[in-house]
Protein backbone atom coordinates (compact mmCIF):
# COMPACT_ATOMS: atom_id res chain seq x y z
CA MET A 1 -10.03 70.67 -21.71
CA ALA A 2 -9.65 69.24 -25.20
CA ARG A 3 -8.82 70.65 -28.59
CA PHE A 4 -11.93 71.68 -30.47
CA TYR A 5 -12.84 72.62 -34.01
CA SER A 6 -16.04 73.06 -35.96
CA ILE A 7 -16.06 73.70 -39.71
CA THR A 8 -19.31 74.65 -41.43
CA LEU A 9 -19.69 75.13 -45.18
CA ASN A 10 -22.90 76.77 -46.38
CA PRO A 11 -23.99 77.28 -50.00
CA VAL A 12 -24.15 80.92 -51.04
CA GLY A 13 -27.70 81.80 -52.10
CA GLY A 14 -28.13 81.95 -55.85
CA SER A 15 -24.84 80.18 -56.64
CA SER A 16 -24.64 77.33 -59.13
CA SER A 17 -23.83 74.99 -56.22
CA ALA A 18 -26.73 76.06 -54.03
CA SER A 19 -28.33 72.62 -54.48
CA LEU A 20 -25.47 71.06 -52.52
CA ALA A 21 -26.18 70.52 -48.84
CA PRO A 22 -24.34 72.31 -46.03
CA ILE A 23 -21.41 70.37 -44.59
CA THR A 24 -20.17 70.33 -41.00
CA TYR A 25 -17.10 68.70 -39.47
CA SER A 26 -16.59 68.90 -35.70
CA SER A 27 -14.45 67.32 -33.00
CA ILE A 28 -17.27 67.53 -30.45
CA VAL A 29 -20.68 66.14 -31.43
CA ASN A 30 -23.75 66.61 -29.21
CA GLY A 31 -21.47 67.72 -26.39
CA MET A 32 -19.34 64.57 -26.55
CA TYR A 33 -15.75 64.33 -27.77
CA ASP A 34 -15.48 62.40 -31.04
CA PRO A 35 -12.34 60.20 -30.94
CA GLY A 36 -12.75 59.58 -34.67
CA ALA A 37 -12.83 63.27 -35.61
CA LEU A 38 -11.01 63.96 -38.86
CA ASN A 39 -7.61 65.57 -38.73
CA VAL A 40 -7.53 69.18 -39.90
CA GLU A 41 -4.61 71.45 -40.68
CA PHE A 42 -4.92 75.18 -41.17
CA ASP A 43 -3.07 78.46 -41.27
CA PHE A 44 -5.19 81.62 -40.97
CA LEU A 45 -3.59 85.06 -40.93
CA THR A 46 -5.32 88.35 -40.26
CA THR A 47 -3.54 91.68 -40.49
CA VAL A 48 -4.31 95.23 -41.55
CA GLY A 49 -5.57 95.66 -45.09
CA ALA A 50 -2.71 97.99 -46.01
CA ASN A 51 -0.32 95.03 -45.61
CA PRO A 52 -2.08 92.18 -47.46
CA VAL A 53 -0.84 88.65 -46.78
CA GLY A 54 -2.94 86.54 -49.14
CA TYR A 55 -5.55 83.91 -48.46
CA SER A 56 -5.85 81.42 -45.61
CA SER A 57 -5.46 77.66 -46.11
CA LEU A 58 -7.35 74.66 -44.73
CA LYS A 59 -6.95 70.89 -45.19
CA ILE A 60 -9.46 68.30 -44.01
CA GLU A 61 -8.07 64.76 -44.10
CA GLY A 62 -10.00 61.53 -44.53
CA VAL A 63 -13.20 62.94 -46.04
CA SER A 64 -15.56 60.67 -47.96
CA TYR A 65 -15.22 60.06 -51.69
CA ASP A 66 -18.66 61.60 -52.22
CA VAL A 67 -17.28 64.88 -50.92
CA LEU A 68 -14.03 64.53 -52.88
CA ASN A 69 -15.94 64.03 -56.11
CA THR A 70 -17.63 67.42 -55.68
CA ALA A 71 -14.52 69.22 -54.38
CA PRO A 72 -14.29 71.85 -57.16
CA ASN A 73 -17.87 72.95 -56.52
CA TYR A 74 -17.06 74.54 -53.16
CA GLY A 75 -14.91 77.31 -54.64
CA PHE A 76 -15.65 79.93 -57.24
CA VAL A 77 -17.79 78.60 -60.11
CA ALA A 78 -18.29 80.73 -63.22
CA GLY A 79 -16.79 83.71 -61.41
CA SER A 80 -19.14 83.57 -58.42
CA PRO A 81 -18.62 82.21 -54.90
CA SER A 82 -20.35 78.92 -54.12
CA TYR A 83 -19.77 78.42 -50.41
CA SER A 84 -19.17 80.49 -47.31
CA ILE A 85 -17.22 78.94 -44.47
CA THR A 86 -17.16 79.43 -40.70
CA ILE A 87 -14.47 77.85 -38.56
CA GLN A 88 -14.49 77.72 -34.77
CA GLY A 89 -11.46 76.64 -32.82
CA GLY A 90 -9.83 76.56 -29.41
CA PHE A 91 -10.40 74.36 -26.39
CA LYS A 92 -13.57 72.95 -24.83
CA SER A 93 -14.54 70.59 -22.04
CA PRO A 94 -16.72 67.85 -23.56
CA GLN A 95 -19.24 65.97 -21.45
CA GLY A 96 -17.69 63.22 -19.38
CA SER A 97 -14.16 64.53 -19.85
CA ILE A 98 -11.60 63.42 -17.26
CA LEU A 99 -9.01 65.88 -18.51
CA PRO A 100 -8.17 68.64 -16.03
CA ASN A 101 -9.58 72.10 -16.67
CA TRP A 102 -7.51 75.24 -16.63
CA THR A 103 -8.33 78.88 -17.10
CA GLN A 104 -8.72 79.07 -20.86
CA PRO A 105 -10.62 81.50 -23.09
CA ALA A 106 -13.76 80.01 -24.56
CA ALA A 107 -13.48 78.61 -28.07
CA GLY A 108 -14.94 80.84 -30.75
CA THR A 109 -14.94 81.80 -34.40
CA ILE A 110 -11.38 82.08 -35.69
CA LEU A 111 -12.24 82.58 -39.37
CA GLN A 112 -15.34 83.46 -41.32
CA GLY A 113 -15.08 83.97 -45.02
CA THR A 114 -15.64 82.74 -48.56
CA VAL A 115 -14.12 79.71 -50.25
CA PHE A 116 -11.96 80.93 -53.12
CA GLN A 117 -10.57 77.59 -54.31
CA SER A 118 -11.24 73.97 -53.35
CA TRP A 119 -9.73 70.75 -54.59
CA ALA A 120 -9.26 67.09 -53.73
CA ASN A 121 -5.82 65.66 -53.09
CA ARG A 122 -4.44 62.14 -52.71
CA ILE A 123 -0.91 61.19 -51.76
CA GLY A 124 -0.42 57.46 -51.29
CA THR A 125 -3.26 56.33 -49.05
CA GLU A 126 -3.93 59.81 -47.67
CA ILE A 127 -6.87 61.73 -49.11
CA SER A 128 -7.85 65.29 -48.26
CA LEU A 129 -10.10 68.17 -49.18
CA GLU A 130 -8.22 71.46 -49.35
CA PHE A 131 -9.26 75.10 -49.51
CA THR A 132 -7.99 78.61 -49.92
CA ILE A 133 -10.24 81.03 -48.07
CA ALA A 134 -10.71 84.78 -48.26
CA ALA A 135 -11.97 86.63 -45.20
CA GLY A 136 -15.31 88.36 -45.65
CA THR A 137 -18.35 87.77 -47.79
CA GLN A 138 -17.08 89.10 -51.12
CA ILE A 139 -13.81 88.73 -53.01
CA TYR A 140 -12.59 91.52 -55.24
CA SER A 141 -9.58 91.73 -57.54
CA ASN A 142 -8.42 93.79 -60.49
CA ASN A 143 -10.30 91.29 -62.69
CA ASN A 144 -13.38 91.55 -60.49
CA PRO A 145 -13.19 95.15 -59.22
CA ALA A 146 -15.10 96.33 -56.19
CA ASN A 147 -15.23 99.95 -57.33
CA ILE A 148 -14.82 101.21 -53.78
CA THR A 149 -15.48 104.93 -54.15
CA PHE A 150 -14.04 107.09 -51.40
CA GLN A 151 -15.21 110.67 -51.22
CA TRP A 152 -13.80 112.88 -48.47
CA ILE A 153 -14.82 116.54 -48.39
CA PRO A 154 -13.26 118.96 -45.87
CA GLN A 155 -15.29 120.96 -43.40
CA GLY A 156 -16.58 124.26 -44.72
CA GLN A 157 -17.35 122.91 -48.19
CA SER A 158 -20.65 121.68 -49.55
CA GLY A 159 -21.27 118.05 -48.62
CA ALA A 160 -18.53 118.05 -45.97
CA ASN A 161 -18.04 114.76 -44.12
CA THR A 162 -15.74 113.25 -41.55
CA LEU A 163 -13.22 110.52 -42.25
CA GLN A 164 -15.43 108.06 -40.39
CA GLU A 165 -18.44 108.96 -42.52
CA ALA A 166 -16.41 108.71 -45.72
CA ILE A 167 -15.03 105.27 -44.85
CA THR A 168 -18.45 104.01 -43.78
CA GLN A 169 -20.05 105.16 -47.03
CA ALA A 170 -17.33 103.53 -49.14
CA LEU A 171 -17.47 100.17 -47.36
CA THR A 172 -21.24 99.82 -47.05
CA THR A 173 -21.63 100.58 -50.75
CA ALA A 174 -18.99 98.02 -51.82
CA TYR A 175 -20.12 95.43 -49.25
CA PRO A 176 -23.93 95.81 -49.09
CA THR A 177 -24.40 92.66 -46.96
CA ILE A 178 -22.37 94.16 -44.10
CA PRO A 179 -24.47 96.45 -41.88
CA GLU A 180 -23.05 99.78 -40.81
CA SER A 181 -23.11 98.63 -37.18
CA ASN A 182 -20.49 95.99 -38.05
CA ILE A 183 -17.94 98.62 -39.01
CA VAL A 184 -16.30 99.45 -35.68
CA PHE A 185 -14.27 102.66 -35.35
CA SER A 186 -11.60 103.48 -32.78
CA ILE A 187 -10.08 106.64 -34.21
CA SER A 188 -9.71 110.28 -33.26
CA GLY A 189 -11.76 112.95 -34.99
CA ASN A 190 -8.75 115.09 -35.89
CA TYR A 191 -8.44 114.19 -39.56
CA SER A 192 -8.96 116.29 -42.65
CA PRO A 193 -8.13 115.61 -46.32
CA PRO A 194 -4.51 116.33 -47.30
CA GLY A 195 -4.16 119.91 -48.40
CA ASN A 196 -7.69 120.50 -47.10
CA THR A 197 -9.00 119.70 -50.57
CA ALA A 198 -11.79 117.30 -51.47
CA LYS A 199 -10.74 113.79 -52.46
CA THR A 200 -12.66 111.38 -54.69
CA LEU A 201 -10.83 108.12 -55.32
CA ASN A 202 -11.82 104.75 -56.79
CA HIS A 203 -10.27 101.43 -55.78
CA ASN A 204 -10.53 97.95 -57.27
CA THR A 205 -9.82 96.05 -54.05
CA PHE A 206 -10.13 96.41 -50.31
CA GLU A 207 -6.34 96.24 -49.95
CA GLN A 208 -5.88 99.23 -52.27
CA PHE A 209 -8.49 101.18 -50.35
CA ALA A 210 -6.95 100.37 -46.96
CA ALA A 211 -3.50 101.38 -48.20
CA THR A 212 -4.85 104.73 -49.43
CA ILE A 213 -6.44 105.51 -46.07
CA ALA A 214 -3.26 104.62 -44.19
CA SER A 215 -1.11 106.74 -46.51
CA MET A 216 -3.40 109.78 -46.34
CA THR A 217 -3.49 109.80 -42.54
CA SER A 218 -0.03 108.56 -41.49
CA SER A 219 1.54 112.00 -41.10
CA VAL A 220 -1.04 113.18 -38.59
CA SER A 221 -1.91 109.96 -36.74
CA SER A 222 -0.82 109.48 -33.15
CA ASN A 223 1.38 106.45 -33.93
CA GLY A 224 2.67 107.45 -37.36
CA SER A 225 1.15 104.44 -39.13
CA GLY A 226 -2.12 106.11 -40.04
CA VAL A 227 -5.68 104.87 -39.85
CA GLN A 228 -5.71 101.11 -40.40
CA ILE A 229 -8.59 98.95 -41.60
CA THR A 230 -8.84 95.21 -41.05
CA THR A 231 -11.50 92.63 -41.75
CA THR A 232 -13.29 90.94 -38.87
CA ASN A 233 -15.53 87.88 -38.75
CA THR A 234 -18.58 90.11 -39.14
CA GLY A 235 -17.34 93.27 -40.83
CA PHE A 236 -14.46 95.71 -40.44
CA SER A 237 -12.42 97.33 -37.68
CA VAL A 238 -10.97 100.81 -38.20
CA PHE A 239 -8.38 102.07 -35.71
CA ASP A 240 -5.38 104.37 -35.33
CA GLY A 241 -4.14 103.67 -31.80
CA SER A 242 -5.48 106.95 -30.45
CA VAL A 243 -8.24 105.26 -28.42
CA GLY A 244 -6.26 103.91 -25.50
CA PRO A 245 -6.67 100.64 -23.64
CA ASN A 246 -9.68 100.23 -21.40
CA ALA A 247 -11.65 97.46 -19.75
CA SER A 248 -13.57 96.63 -22.93
CA ASN A 249 -10.65 96.40 -25.36
CA THR A 250 -7.79 95.05 -23.21
CA ILE A 251 -7.01 91.44 -22.27
CA THR A 252 -4.47 90.42 -19.64
CA LEU A 253 -2.71 87.20 -20.58
CA LEU A 254 -2.31 84.36 -18.09
CA TYR A 255 0.94 82.47 -17.48
CA GLU A 256 -0.61 79.11 -18.35
CA ASN A 257 -1.87 80.34 -21.72
CA ILE A 258 1.49 81.55 -23.04
CA ILE A 259 3.65 79.23 -25.16
CA GLY A 260 7.34 80.09 -25.07
CA GLN A 261 8.09 83.73 -24.38
CA PRO A 262 7.53 87.00 -26.24
CA THR A 263 10.32 88.14 -28.53
CA TRP A 264 11.32 91.49 -29.96
CA ILE A 265 11.51 91.02 -33.75
CA GLY A 266 12.08 94.67 -34.65
CA PRO A 267 11.99 98.19 -33.27
CA LYS A 268 8.70 98.52 -31.39
CA LEU A 269 7.44 95.14 -32.63
CA ILE A 270 7.05 91.89 -30.69
CA THR A 271 5.72 88.44 -31.42
CA PHE A 272 4.27 85.98 -28.91
CA MET A 273 2.34 82.71 -28.95
CA THR A 274 -0.56 81.47 -26.84
CA VAL A 275 -2.81 78.43 -26.82
CA MET A 276 -5.42 78.79 -29.55
CA ARG A 277 -7.92 81.50 -28.70
CA ALA A 278 -10.56 83.56 -30.49
CA ASP A 279 -10.91 86.52 -28.15
CA ILE A 280 -7.89 88.58 -29.29
CA ASN A 281 -8.14 90.28 -32.67
CA VAL A 282 -6.26 92.91 -34.62
CA SER A 283 -6.74 96.23 -32.72
CA THR A 284 -7.14 94.46 -29.33
CA TYR A 285 -4.81 95.58 -26.51
CA VAL A 286 -2.98 92.96 -24.45
CA LYS A 287 -0.96 92.98 -21.24
CA PHE A 288 1.40 90.33 -19.94
CA PRO A 289 1.03 88.89 -16.43
CA PRO A 290 2.44 90.99 -13.57
CA ASN A 291 6.14 90.35 -12.92
CA TYR A 292 6.26 88.21 -16.04
CA GLN A 293 9.96 88.83 -16.58
CA ASN A 294 10.75 87.46 -13.11
CA VAL A 295 9.36 83.97 -13.70
CA PRO A 296 11.88 81.06 -13.60
CA GLY A 297 13.40 80.31 -16.97
CA TYR A 298 12.68 83.68 -18.53
CA THR A 299 15.45 84.65 -20.97
CA THR A 300 16.60 88.24 -21.36
CA SER A 301 18.72 89.85 -24.06
CA THR A 302 21.93 91.80 -23.65
CA ALA A 303 22.88 95.25 -24.84
CA GLN A 304 24.75 93.67 -27.76
CA GLN A 305 21.69 91.89 -29.10
CA PHE A 306 19.30 93.36 -31.67
CA PRO A 307 17.21 95.33 -31.09
CA SER A 308 19.11 96.34 -27.94
CA SER A 309 18.04 99.98 -27.99
CA VAL A 310 14.40 98.98 -27.86
CA ARG A 311 14.96 96.12 -25.42
CA GLN A 312 16.69 98.40 -22.92
CA SER A 313 13.92 100.99 -22.96
CA LEU A 314 10.87 98.74 -23.02
CA THR A 315 9.93 95.68 -20.99
CA PHE A 316 6.94 93.38 -21.07
CA ASP A 317 6.00 94.23 -17.48
CA ASN A 318 3.47 97.02 -17.04
CA GLN A 319 3.45 97.59 -20.80
CA THR A 320 0.33 97.46 -22.97
CA PHE A 321 0.59 96.27 -26.57
CA LEU A 322 -1.67 96.84 -29.56
CA VAL A 323 -2.16 93.70 -31.67
CA THR A 324 -1.46 94.26 -35.38
CA ALA A 325 -1.50 90.67 -36.73
CA VAL A 326 -3.13 87.40 -35.68
CA ARG A 327 -2.20 83.97 -37.03
CA GLN A 328 -4.15 80.83 -36.15
CA VAL A 329 -2.21 77.59 -36.75
CA GLY A 330 -3.63 74.15 -36.24
CA ASN A 331 -2.78 70.49 -36.77
CA PHE A 332 -5.41 68.63 -34.79
CA ARG A 333 -3.59 65.31 -34.35
CA ASP A 334 -0.12 66.74 -33.71
CA PRO A 335 0.56 66.51 -29.94
CA GLN A 336 2.87 69.55 -29.83
CA GLY A 337 1.39 72.52 -27.98
CA SER A 338 2.51 74.85 -30.74
CA SER A 339 0.40 72.85 -33.23
CA TRP A 340 -2.85 74.26 -31.82
CA ALA A 341 -1.93 77.86 -31.12
CA THR A 342 -2.34 81.52 -31.96
CA ILE A 343 0.62 83.71 -32.89
CA PHE A 344 0.45 87.47 -32.50
CA GLN A 345 2.41 90.53 -33.54
CA ALA A 346 1.97 93.68 -31.49
CA VAL A 347 3.41 97.14 -30.95
CA PRO A 348 3.82 98.86 -27.56
CA TYR A 349 1.11 101.39 -26.88
CA GLY A 350 2.39 104.92 -26.38
CA ALA A 351 6.02 104.09 -27.22
């Protein structure tokens, strides 16, 4: 198995840079590992829309001067996006590889979005092309409002709709290129507008809209955090933790894929790191290997350590966790295992 990445930039139809050709950088070409593949560094973070974390970053080192000379054209030009970007990452077995294989999730898409800014950089003899990237196909802000209109009418009134119908209508109107089938729901049907009165609200950005939905539903949701909305590589995921783990939404981690050990970072909140993978997203359930806390070298906390009250009542064994944040970090040429990894935050299901 070898580290793998593939970065594809495609002109957005109708943009002022549409005459520029698509660009692809990859560490495996025609099935063969490329020993001269350019070094890339990136930091991609996905979390729920109600807790925005900003844009993702990407650096490609050693690109040609022809590309550097057109660097500004890949971002927004005259207020419109010029390029979309798709990045695949993980591990692959190239043809003729003599490296040993191990059980590893297949590489896949770890970010798909729109280039917000792009620029060339040179420090000494090092040259690079750098990007800030927004997830999704459209970028909205207070200066470029989305006008996401959310209309939720309680049952028994004219035009009554469910929360799922109201969210679907709002998102498909604001994001017309995303089909309704790409908005995936995992929520209960036991929601009604606060006060049982109709709500019509306008939002400039997706983050504002997601925060409104979470706030309106937090008091009656099963986990107290409300209905959460997050972007995915193809659309949106809407969940509230009420749809429990099952064979289709739960992944059991393997010993050999875990880097370090999971850590409690707050009441009912853990973080853990694995080798880079694309199969676990926000709203996915995960389980640790059986008897994980009995493996040699595992470190436990004491009653005096924070958060001791949580640590004494919950263990990683036989516990299912709901992923709430995913961070992909990569430095292709750095030999450290943690330089090509995925970091997660998760909450215990049912706790």
